[in-house]
Amino acid sequence: MKLLWRFLFGGIGRVVPFGAVRHLARPLAWCFYHAGLRREATLTNLRLAFPQLTEANRQRLARRSFHSTLTTLLELLPLRHLPESKLRRILKVENLELLTPDGASNGALLLSAHLGNWELLAFGTAAMAGTPFNIIVKQQNDAGETNRTRTARGNRVIPYERGALEAARLLNNGGVVALLADQSATPNDHPTTMFGIPTWTFSTPARLALRFRPKVIIGFAVRQPDGSYLARLRELHHSDLPNTPEGAIQLTQRYVDLLEEAIRQHPEQWMWQHRKWKHTPGVVY
């Protein structure tokens, strides 16, 4: 398996143009969808989030989501081989200055989600800002080549298991910590509401933000019709919130509100395949 990944990243990744990948993803997405891999979980999520849609429209949206997710995963292959000039054509970042230290905060906490191309967001934004990101990730099997791409321009990967401890140290020293906070959390985390559904959301980002007071920045690299990406960074203000459990829950809900807003604008680009509401009573996958 390791040899296969090395071949894909080192061989195909050098040959296949970045812009061609989304076309390769289309037949693969068709196969995944019709093979039933995560199809029912995807449709269950869409029924919960969009009860007003017809089943035919939800199925259409599910197929588009599979295509988007497969595109993002395949775009990892050529990513590390892109020259900076090409990278800047593919990804446009608005409000990049938010990542510049201002002396008034302890580093920056960049929150994103599995929407658009999250890998390109971290890879490209860090390169353009000239600031390495410390990316907290859940380690997957055979993640070696993926992590080589993630770190090819100076970023660092931190295993999720020690993410909170490392993030605290980095923020205290003015570093930039990046993570995706949209996957299913447990009842030990924060109760929030998303699409009108009771939703458990990871508590670590809000607790770090209120303890160390970094800038909190929200950003999503949204795919454009021509295959390029646009990332609009925005600051999530939290100076009005106390460093208390209640304050942390409020901040987490603010993140969830912005996430839901982005998903409603681009529903086909979110990874609906994840069992987001598996800890919500009454939801069965």
Protein backbone atom coordinates (compact mmCIF):
# COMPACT_ATOMS: atom_id res chain seq x y z
CA MET A 1 0.00 0.00 0.00
CA LYS A 2 2.87 2.38 0.81
CA LEU A 3 4.37 1.71 -2.63
CA LEU A 4 1.00 2.48 -4.22
CA TRP A 5 0.75 5.83 -2.43
CA ARG A 6 4.33 6.68 -3.39
CA PHE A 7 3.52 5.89 -7.01
CA LEU A 8 0.36 8.00 -6.93
CA PHE A 9 1.97 11.01 -5.27
CA GLY A 10 5.40 10.79 -6.90
CA GLY A 11 4.40 9.51 -10.33
CA ILE A 12 0.87 10.50 -11.23
CA GLY A 13 1.12 13.61 -9.06
CA ARG A 14 3.92 14.92 -11.29
CA VAL A 15 2.18 14.10 -14.56
CA VAL A 16 -1.50 14.91 -14.10
CA PRO A 17 -2.23 18.67 -14.21
CA PHE A 18 -4.04 20.05 -11.18
CA GLY A 19 -6.91 21.26 -13.32
CA ALA A 20 -7.52 17.80 -14.78
CA VAL A 21 -8.04 16.07 -11.47
CA ARG A 22 -11.69 17.06 -11.00
CA HIS A 23 -12.49 15.39 -14.32
CA LEU A 24 -10.79 12.19 -13.15
CA ALA A 25 -12.80 12.38 -9.92
CA ARG A 26 -16.15 12.28 -11.70
CA PRO A 27 -16.17 8.57 -12.72
CA LEU A 28 -14.68 7.60 -9.35
CA ALA A 29 -17.40 9.52 -7.54
CA TRP A 30 -20.02 7.73 -9.64
CA CYS A 31 -18.54 4.38 -8.65
CA PHE A 32 -18.36 5.24 -4.94
CA TYR A 33 -21.92 6.52 -4.91
CA HIS A 34 -23.44 3.59 -6.77
CA ALA A 35 -21.39 1.08 -4.78
CA GLY A 36 -23.16 2.41 -1.69
CA LEU A 37 -20.01 3.53 0.14
CA ARG A 38 -21.33 6.06 2.69
CA ARG A 39 -24.29 6.77 0.40
CA GLU A 40 -26.95 6.11 3.04
CA ALA A 41 -25.08 8.18 5.65
CA THR A 42 -24.87 11.01 3.12
CA LEU A 43 -28.58 10.86 2.31
CA THR A 44 -29.50 10.62 6.00
CA ASN A 45 -27.53 13.79 6.69
CA LEU A 46 -29.18 15.58 3.79
CA ARG A 47 -32.65 14.53 4.96
CA LEU A 48 -31.89 15.97 8.39
CA ALA A 49 -30.40 19.22 7.11
CA PHE A 50 -32.72 19.83 4.15
CA PRO A 51 -36.13 18.28 4.91
CA GLN A 52 -37.72 20.67 2.41
CA LEU A 53 -35.89 19.15 -0.57
CA THR A 54 -37.34 16.34 -2.63
CA GLU A 55 -35.58 12.99 -2.42
CA ALA A 56 -34.49 13.37 -6.04
CA ASN A 57 -32.83 16.70 -5.24
CA ARG A 58 -31.12 15.22 -2.19
CA GLN A 59 -29.76 12.37 -4.31
CA ARG A 60 -28.49 14.87 -6.86
CA LEU A 61 -26.81 16.87 -4.09
CA ALA A 62 -25.31 13.68 -2.65
CA ARG A 63 -23.73 12.79 -6.00
CA ARG A 64 -22.26 16.28 -6.28
CA SER A 65 -20.88 15.99 -2.76
CA PHE A 66 -19.16 12.70 -3.64
CA HIS A 67 -17.61 14.39 -6.67
CA SER A 68 -16.41 17.33 -4.57
CA THR A 69 -14.90 15.12 -1.88
CA LEU A 70 -13.13 12.88 -4.40
CA THR A 71 -11.83 15.97 -6.21
CA THR A 72 -10.31 17.32 -3.00
CA LEU A 73 -8.65 14.01 -2.17
CA LEU A 74 -7.23 13.56 -5.69
CA GLU A 75 -5.98 17.15 -5.82
CA LEU A 76 -3.54 16.16 -3.10
CA LEU A 77 -1.57 14.18 -5.69
CA PRO A 78 -0.14 17.13 -7.70
CA LEU A 79 -0.31 19.67 -4.87
CA ARG A 80 3.27 19.40 -3.59
CA HIS A 81 4.65 19.69 -7.14
CA LEU A 82 2.95 23.01 -7.94
CA PRO A 83 5.26 26.00 -8.48
CA GLU A 84 4.29 29.04 -6.44
CA SER A 85 3.13 30.94 -9.53
CA LYS A 86 0.66 28.16 -10.34
CA LEU A 87 -0.43 27.93 -6.70
CA ARG A 88 -1.30 31.63 -6.68
CA ARG A 89 -3.39 31.21 -9.82
CA ILE A 90 -5.29 28.29 -8.34
CA LEU A 91 -5.95 29.83 -4.91
CA LYS A 92 -6.98 33.40 -4.16
CA VAL A 93 -7.02 34.39 -0.49
CA GLU A 94 -8.86 37.44 0.78
CA ASN A 95 -7.88 39.15 4.05
CA LEU A 96 -4.53 37.36 4.22
CA GLU A 97 -3.30 40.12 6.53
CA LEU A 98 -5.35 38.58 9.34
CA LEU A 99 -2.55 36.05 9.71
CA THR A 100 0.02 38.80 10.34
CA PRO A 101 0.91 39.12 14.04
CA ASP A 102 -0.36 42.39 15.49
CA GLY A 103 1.12 42.20 18.97
CA ALA A 104 -2.32 42.28 20.53
CA SER A 105 -2.95 38.54 20.46
CA ASN A 106 -1.15 35.28 21.12
CA GLY A 107 -0.75 33.74 17.69
CA ALA A 108 -3.67 32.69 15.52
CA LEU A 109 -6.14 29.82 15.50
CA LEU A 110 -7.39 29.02 11.98
CA LEU A 111 -10.62 27.02 11.96
CA SER A 112 -11.94 25.42 8.81
CA ALA A 113 -14.03 22.41 7.81
CA HIS A 114 -14.31 19.63 5.25
CA LEU A 115 -15.72 22.06 2.71
CA GLY A 116 -14.18 22.86 -0.67
CA ASN A 117 -10.49 21.97 -0.55
CA TRP A 118 -9.32 22.14 3.05
CA GLU A 119 -5.88 20.71 2.21
CA LEU A 120 -5.23 23.45 -0.35
CA LEU A 121 -6.39 26.07 2.16
CA ALA A 122 -3.68 25.17 4.67
CA PHE A 123 -1.02 24.42 2.06
CA GLY A 124 -1.51 27.55 -0.03
CA THR A 125 -2.47 30.11 2.60
CA ALA A 126 0.56 29.33 4.74
CA ALA A 127 2.85 29.62 1.72
CA MET A 128 1.35 32.97 0.69
CA ALA A 129 1.42 34.37 4.22
CA GLY A 130 5.00 33.24 4.76
CA THR A 131 3.86 31.77 8.07
CA PRO A 132 4.07 28.02 8.70
CA PHE A 133 0.91 26.41 10.04
CA ASN A 134 0.80 23.76 12.74
CA ILE A 135 -1.98 21.48 11.53
CA ILE A 136 -3.78 19.23 13.99
CA VAL A 137 -4.93 16.06 12.23
CA LYS A 138 -6.37 12.69 13.08
CA GLN A 139 -3.83 10.23 11.74
CA GLN A 140 -5.10 7.84 9.08
CA ASN A 141 -3.60 4.58 7.85
CA ASP A 142 -0.93 5.14 5.21
CA ALA A 143 -0.92 8.90 5.87
CA GLY A 144 2.81 9.21 5.19
CA GLU A 145 2.54 10.58 1.64
CA THR A 146 -0.38 12.83 2.59
CA ASN A 147 1.66 14.31 5.43
CA ARG A 148 4.65 14.79 3.13
CA THR A 149 2.43 16.95 0.95
CA ARG A 150 1.04 18.83 3.94
CA THR A 151 4.55 19.66 5.16
CA ALA A 152 6.19 20.27 1.75
CA ARG A 153 6.13 24.08 2.17
CA GLY A 154 7.08 24.24 5.84
CA ASN A 155 3.85 23.36 7.62
CA ARG A 156 3.96 20.95 10.54
CA VAL A 157 1.56 18.11 11.34
CA ILE A 158 0.50 17.48 14.93
CA PRO A 159 -1.31 14.25 15.84
CA TYR A 160 -4.77 14.91 17.26
CA GLU A 161 -3.95 12.96 20.42
CA ARG A 162 -1.51 15.60 21.60
CA GLY A 163 -3.06 18.51 19.72
CA ALA A 164 -4.41 20.48 22.69
CA LEU A 165 -1.11 20.42 24.58
CA GLU A 166 0.95 21.36 21.52
CA ALA A 167 -1.54 24.04 20.47
CA ALA A 168 -1.36 25.67 23.89
CA ARG A 169 2.42 25.89 23.68
CA LEU A 170 2.40 27.18 20.11
CA LEU A 171 -0.26 29.84 20.67
CA ASN A 172 1.57 31.03 23.75
CA ASN A 173 4.62 31.55 21.52
CA GLY A 174 2.76 33.35 18.73
CA GLY A 175 2.36 30.42 16.36
CA VAL A 176 -0.46 29.61 13.95
CA VAL A 177 -2.53 26.51 14.70
CA ALA A 178 -4.95 25.16 12.08
CA LEU A 179 -7.61 22.50 12.44
CA LEU A 180 -10.91 21.24 11.09
CA ALA A 181 -13.63 21.31 13.73
CA ASP A 182 -16.70 20.07 11.87
CA GLN A 183 -16.66 16.32 12.43
CA SER A 184 -18.82 14.50 14.94
CA ALA A 185 -17.87 15.14 18.55
CA THR A 186 -19.05 13.37 21.70
CA PRO A 187 -21.35 14.34 24.59
CA ASN A 188 -18.17 15.31 26.46
CA ASP A 189 -17.83 18.27 24.07
CA HIS A 190 -20.04 21.32 23.49
CA PRO A 191 -23.79 21.21 22.82
CA THR A 192 -24.62 23.35 19.79
CA THR A 193 -27.37 23.62 17.19
CA MET A 194 -26.66 23.12 13.49
CA PHE A 195 -29.38 23.07 10.82
CA GLY A 196 -31.83 23.11 13.74
CA ILE A 197 -30.40 19.80 14.98
CA PRO A 198 -28.80 19.29 18.43
CA THR A 199 -25.14 18.79 17.54
CA TRP A 200 -22.09 17.98 19.63
CA THR A 201 -19.11 20.08 18.52
CA PHE A 202 -15.45 19.87 19.53
CA SER A 203 -14.72 21.99 22.59
CA THR A 204 -10.93 22.29 22.26
CA PRO A 205 -10.82 25.28 19.83
CA ALA A 206 -13.04 27.48 22.00
CA ARG A 207 -11.24 26.54 25.21
CA LEU A 208 -7.88 27.38 23.64
CA ALA A 209 -9.21 30.65 22.24
CA LEU A 210 -10.58 31.89 25.55
CA ARG A 211 -7.56 30.82 27.56
CA PHE A 212 -4.80 32.15 25.29
CA ARG A 213 -6.73 34.86 23.39
CA PRO A 214 -5.26 34.30 19.91
CA LYS A 215 -6.89 35.68 16.81
CA VAL A 216 -9.55 33.20 15.74
CA ILE A 217 -9.86 33.08 11.96
CA ILE A 218 -12.47 31.21 9.94
CA GLY A 219 -11.75 30.27 6.34
CA PHE A 220 -12.93 27.89 3.62
CA ALA A 221 -11.33 27.35 0.19
CA VAL A 222 -14.45 27.28 -1.99
CA ARG A 223 -14.23 25.74 -5.45
CA GLN A 224 -15.12 28.10 -8.31
CA PRO A 225 -16.74 27.12 -11.64
CA ASP A 226 -13.36 27.18 -13.42
CA GLY A 227 -11.78 24.81 -10.88
CA SER A 228 -9.85 27.49 -8.99
CA TYR A 229 -10.50 28.31 -5.33
CA LEU A 230 -11.41 31.41 -3.35
CA ALA A 231 -10.76 31.59 0.39
CA ARG A 232 -12.26 34.46 2.37
CA LEU A 233 -10.68 34.72 5.79
CA ARG A 234 -12.71 36.39 8.50
CA GLU A 235 -12.01 36.99 12.16
CA LEU A 236 -14.26 35.39 14.74
CA HIS A 237 -14.32 37.94 17.53
CA HIS A 238 -14.43 36.63 21.07
CA SER A 239 -13.13 39.44 23.29
CA ASP A 240 -16.63 39.82 24.77
CA LEU A 241 -16.70 36.24 26.06
CA PRO A 242 -15.36 35.17 29.47
CA ASN A 243 -13.05 32.21 29.90
CA THR A 244 -15.80 30.05 31.37
CA PRO A 245 -17.59 26.90 30.20
CA GLU A 246 -20.57 29.03 29.18
CA GLY A 247 -18.33 31.43 27.23
CA ALA A 248 -16.68 28.51 25.44
CA ILE A 249 -20.06 27.08 24.41
CA GLN A 250 -21.10 30.47 23.02
CA LEU A 251 -17.89 30.72 20.99
CA THR A 252 -18.33 27.19 19.65
CA GLN A 253 -21.86 28.10 18.55
CA ARG A 254 -20.49 31.15 16.71
CA TYR A 255 -18.18 28.86 14.74
CA VAL A 256 -21.05 26.48 14.00
CA ASP A 257 -23.23 29.36 12.78
CA LEU A 258 -20.54 30.47 10.31
CA LEU A 259 -20.00 26.88 9.21
CA GLU A 260 -23.70 26.38 8.56
CA GLU A 261 -23.82 29.65 6.62
CA ALA A 262 -20.96 28.46 4.38
CA ILE A 263 -22.54 25.04 3.86
CA ARG A 264 -25.89 26.56 2.90
CA GLN A 265 -24.09 28.69 0.31
CA HIS A 266 -22.17 25.70 -1.12
CA PRO A 267 -23.94 22.53 0.06
CA GLU A 268 -22.42 20.37 -2.67
CA GLN A 269 -18.91 21.13 -1.38
CA TRP A 270 -19.31 19.83 2.18
CA MET A 271 -18.33 16.25 3.05
CA TRP A 272 -21.79 14.91 3.89
CA GLN A 273 -20.38 11.38 3.98
CA HIS A 274 -19.36 11.78 7.62
CA ARG A 275 -21.80 10.53 10.30
CA LYS A 276 -22.12 14.02 11.74
CA TRP A 277 -25.09 13.39 14.03
CA LYS A 278 -24.29 9.87 15.25
CA HIS A 279 -24.42 11.03 18.90
CA THR A 280 -27.71 12.89 18.47
CA PRO A 281 -30.65 11.00 20.03
CA GLY A 282 -33.02 9.58 17.44
CA VAL A 283 -30.56 9.69 14.53
CA VAL A 284 -29.76 6.26 13.09
CA TYR A 285 -27.21 5.67 10.32
